[in-house]
């Protein structure tokens, strides 16, 4: 079974930077998550 968190990361990774930042804001991501997404660029 696919880990849902992995799916979310994959979807986020395919978004462009602005969409990704909007998604992070909408999710109220923790600073740790935000750093994680920023590192995926």
PDB file of N, CA and C in Angstrom:
ATOM      1  N   UNK A   1       0.846  -1.204   0.000  1.00  0.00           N
ATOM      2  CA  UNK A   1       0.000   0.000   0.000  1.00  0.00           C
ATOM      3  C   UNK A   1       0.878   1.249   0.000  1.00  0.00           C
ATOM      4  N   UNK A   2       0.478   2.246  -0.761  1.00  0.00           N
ATOM      5  CA  UNK A   2       1.258   3.473  -0.863  1.00  0.00           C
ATOM      6  C   UNK A   2       1.047   4.339   0.375  1.00  0.00           C
ATOM      7  N   UNK A   3       2.135   4.872   0.902  1.00  0.00           N
ATOM      8  CA  UNK A   3       2.076   5.757   2.061  1.00  0.00           C
ATOM      9  C   UNK A   3       1.444   7.084   1.630  1.00  0.00           C
ATOM     10  N   UNK A   4       0.333   7.497   2.237  1.00  0.00           N
ATOM     11  CA  UNK A   4      -0.337   8.743   1.836  1.00  0.00           C
ATOM     12  C   UNK A   4       0.590   9.952   1.890  1.00  0.00           C
ATOM     13  N   UNK A   5       1.494   9.957   2.860  1.00  0.00           N
ATOM     14  CA  UNK A   5       2.423  11.086   2.969  1.00  0.00           C
ATOM     15  C   UNK A   5       3.321  11.162   1.755  1.00  0.00           C
ATOM     16  N   UNK A   6       3.711  10.004   1.234  1.00  0.00           N
ATOM     17  CA  UNK A   6       4.556   9.973   0.043  1.00  0.00           C
ATOM     18  C   UNK A   6       3.789  10.534  -1.154  1.00  0.00           C
ATOM     19  N   UNK A   7       2.515  10.183  -1.246  1.00  0.00           N
ATOM     20  CA  UNK A   7       1.677  10.689  -2.334  1.00  0.00           C
ATOM     21  C   UNK A   7       1.578  12.205  -2.269  1.00  0.00           C
ATOM     22  N   UNK A   8       1.363  12.735  -1.066  1.00  0.00           N
ATOM     23  CA  UNK A   8       1.278  14.189  -0.896  1.00  0.00           C
ATOM     24  C   UNK A   8       2.578  14.836  -1.328  1.00  0.00           C
ATOM     25  N   UNK A   9       3.706  14.275  -0.907  1.00  0.00           N
ATOM     26  CA  UNK A   9       5.009  14.835  -1.284  1.00  0.00           C
ATOM     27  C   UNK A   9       5.186  14.813  -2.796  1.00  0.00           C
ATOM     28  N   UNK A  10       4.763  13.729  -3.426  1.00  0.00           N
ATOM     29  CA  UNK A  10       4.903  13.614  -4.872  1.00  0.00           C
ATOM     30  C   UNK A  10       4.062  14.666  -5.577  1.00  0.00           C
ATOM     31  N   UNK A  11       2.827  14.840  -5.125  1.00  0.00           N
ATOM     32  CA  UNK A  11       1.939  15.838  -5.725  1.00  0.00           C
ATOM     33  C   UNK A  11       2.521  17.230  -5.536  1.00  0.00           C
ATOM     34  N   UNK A  12       2.977  17.523  -4.327  1.00  0.00           N
ATOM     35  CA  UNK A  12       3.558  18.833  -4.036  1.00  0.00           C
ATOM     36  C   UNK A  12       4.774  19.067  -4.913  1.00  0.00           C
ATOM     37  N   UNK A  13       5.575  18.026  -5.105  1.00  0.00           N
ATOM     38  CA  UNK A  13       6.806  18.157  -5.875  1.00  0.00           C
ATOM     39  C   UNK A  13       6.531  18.533  -7.332  1.00  0.00           C
ATOM     40  N   UNK A  14       5.365  18.144  -7.844  1.00  0.00           N
ATOM     41  CA  UNK A  14       5.062  18.416  -9.250  1.00  0.00           C
ATOM     42  C   UNK A  14       4.484  19.816  -9.461  1.00  0.00           C
ATOM     43  N   UNK A  15       4.078  20.472  -8.383  1.00  0.00           N
ATOM     44  CA  UNK A  15       3.529  21.821  -8.518  1.00  0.00           C
ATOM     45  C   UNK A  15       4.647  22.826  -8.758  1.00  0.00           C
ATOM     46  N   UNK A  16       4.296  23.938  -9.404  1.00  0.00           N
ATOM     47  CA  UNK A  16       5.312  24.982  -9.528  1.00  0.00           C
ATOM     48  C   UNK A  16       5.456  25.677  -8.176  1.00  0.00           C
ATOM     49  N   UNK A  17       6.447  26.530  -8.065  1.00  0.00           N
ATOM     50  CA  UNK A  17       6.792  27.087  -6.757  1.00  0.00           C
ATOM     51  C   UNK A  17       5.646  27.869  -6.123  1.00  0.00           C
ATOM     52  N   UNK A  18       4.960  28.703  -6.896  1.00  0.00           N
ATOM     53  CA  UNK A  18       3.874  29.505  -6.335  1.00  0.00           C
ATOM     54  C   UNK A  18       2.731  28.628  -5.828  1.00  0.00           C
ATOM     55  N   UNK A  19       2.369  27.626  -6.610  1.00  0.00           N
ATOM     56  CA  UNK A  19       1.309  26.711  -6.182  1.00  0.00           C
ATOM     57  C   UNK A  19       1.725  25.996  -4.908  1.00  0.00           C
ATOM     58  N   UNK A  20       2.990  25.602  -4.852  1.00  0.00           N
ATOM     59  CA  UNK A  20       3.499  24.878  -3.692  1.00  0.00           C
ATOM     60  C   UNK A  20       3.406  25.763  -2.446  1.00  0.00           C
ATOM     61  N   UNK A  21       3.814  27.027  -2.578  1.00  0.00           N
ATOM     62  CA  UNK A  21       3.766  27.938  -1.429  1.00  0.00           C
ATOM     63  C   UNK A  21       2.326  28.184  -0.989  1.00  0.00           C
ATOM     64  N   UNK A  22       1.404  28.296  -1.956  1.00  0.00           N
ATOM     65  CA  UNK A  22      -0.011  28.469  -1.601  1.00  0.00           C
ATOM     66  C   UNK A  22      -0.527  27.236  -0.875  1.00  0.00           C
ATOM     67  N   UNK A  23      -0.120  26.068  -1.337  1.00  0.00           N
ATOM     68  CA  UNK A  23      -0.549  24.829  -0.707  1.00  0.00           C
ATOM     69  C   UNK A  23      -0.036  24.764   0.729  1.00  0.00           C
ATOM     70  N   UNK A  24       1.220  25.136   0.915  1.00  0.00           N
ATOM     71  CA  UNK A  24       1.808  25.123   2.254  1.00  0.00           C
ATOM     72  C   UNK A  24       1.035  26.072   3.168  1.00  0.00           C
ATOM     73  N   UNK A  25       0.713  27.258   2.669  1.00  0.00           N
ATOM     74  CA  UNK A  25      -0.036  28.227   3.473  1.00  0.00           C
ATOM     75  C   UNK A  25      -1.413  27.674   3.825  1.00  0.00           C
ATOM     76  N   UNK A  26      -2.063  27.082   2.843  1.00  0.00           N
ATOM     77  CA  UNK A  26      -3.405  26.555   3.048  1.00  0.00           C
ATOM     78  C   UNK A  26      -3.393  25.419   4.071  1.00  0.00           C
ATOM     79  N   UNK A  27      -2.330  24.627   4.064  1.00  0.00           N
ATOM     80  CA  UNK A  27      -2.232  23.490   4.978  1.00  0.00           C
ATOM     81  C   UNK A  27      -1.767  23.918   6.360  1.00  0.00           C
ATOM     82  N   UNK A  28      -1.304  25.159   6.504  1.00  0.00           N
ATOM     83  CA  UNK A  28      -0.738  25.616   7.768  1.00  0.00           C
ATOM     84  C   UNK A  28       0.402  24.673   8.160  1.00  0.00           C
ATOM     85  N   UNK A  29       1.279  24.447   7.210  1.00  0.00           N
ATOM     86  CA  UNK A  29       2.397  23.533   7.418  1.00  0.00           C
ATOM     87  C   UNK A  29       3.287  24.024   8.553  1.00  0.00           C
ATOM     88  N   UNK A  30       3.858  23.074   9.267  1.00  0.00           N
ATOM     89  CA  UNK A  30       4.808  23.419  10.328  1.00  0.00           C
ATOM     90  C   UNK A  30       6.101  23.908   9.685  1.00  0.00           C
ATOM     91  N   UNK A  31       6.909  24.653  10.418  1.00  0.00           N
ATOM     92  CA  UNK A  31       8.195  25.113   9.868  1.00  0.00           C
ATOM     93  C   UNK A  31       9.036  23.955   9.337  1.00  0.00           C
ATOM     94  N   UNK A  32       8.983  22.809  10.017  1.00  0.00           N
ATOM     95  CA  UNK A  32       9.750  21.644   9.569  1.00  0.00           C
ATOM     96  C   UNK A  32       9.250  21.179   8.205  1.00  0.00           C
ATOM     97  N   UNK A  33       7.930  21.101   8.035  1.00  0.00           N
ATOM     98  CA  UNK A  33       7.366  20.700   6.746  1.00  0.00           C
ATOM     99  C   UNK A  33       7.737  21.701   5.663  1.00  0.00           C
ATOM    100  N   UNK A  34       7.665  23.000   6.032  1.00  0.00           N
ATOM    101  CA  UNK A  34       7.965  24.034   5.051  1.00  0.00           C
ATOM    102  C   UNK A  34       9.408  23.898   4.567  1.00  0.00           C
ATOM    103  N   UNK A  35      10.336  23.646   5.493  1.00  0.00           N
ATOM    104  CA  UNK A  35      11.743  23.455   5.106  1.00  0.00           C
ATOM    105  C   UNK A  35      11.872  22.239   4.199  1.00  0.00           C
ATOM    106  N   UNK A  36      11.108  21.208   4.513  1.00  0.00           N
ATOM    107  CA  UNK A  36      11.149  19.981   3.719  1.00  0.00           C
ATOM    108  C   UNK A  36      10.727  20.274   2.277  1.00  0.00           C
ATOM    109  N   UNK A  37       9.619  21.008   2.110  1.00  0.00           N
ATOM    110  CA  UNK A  37       9.135  21.334   0.771  1.00  0.00           C
ATOM    111  C   UNK A  37      10.096  22.261   0.051  1.00  0.00           C
ATOM    112  N   UNK A  38      10.629  23.241   0.783  1.00  0.00           N
ATOM    113  CA  UNK A  38      11.579  24.170   0.171  1.00  0.00           C
ATOM    114  C   UNK A  38      12.789  23.398  -0.351  1.00  0.00           C
ATOM    115  N   UNK A  39      13.202  22.372   0.382  1.00  0.00           N
ATOM    116  CA  UNK A  39      14.356  21.576  -0.017  1.00  0.00           C
ATOM    117  C   UNK A  39      14.103  20.726  -1.253  1.00  0.00           C
ATOM    118  N   UNK A  40      12.841  20.553  -1.622  1.00  0.00           N
ATOM    119  CA  UNK A  40      12.505  19.718  -2.782  1.00  0.00           C
ATOM    120  C   UNK A  40      12.650  20.472  -4.095  1.00  0.00           C
ATOM    121  N   UNK A  41      12.869  21.782  -4.030  1.00  0.00           N
ATOM    122  CA  UNK A  41      12.984  22.575  -5.252  1.00  0.00           C
ATOM    123  C   UNK A  41      14.185  22.156  -6.069  1.00  0.00           C
TER     124      UNK A  41
END
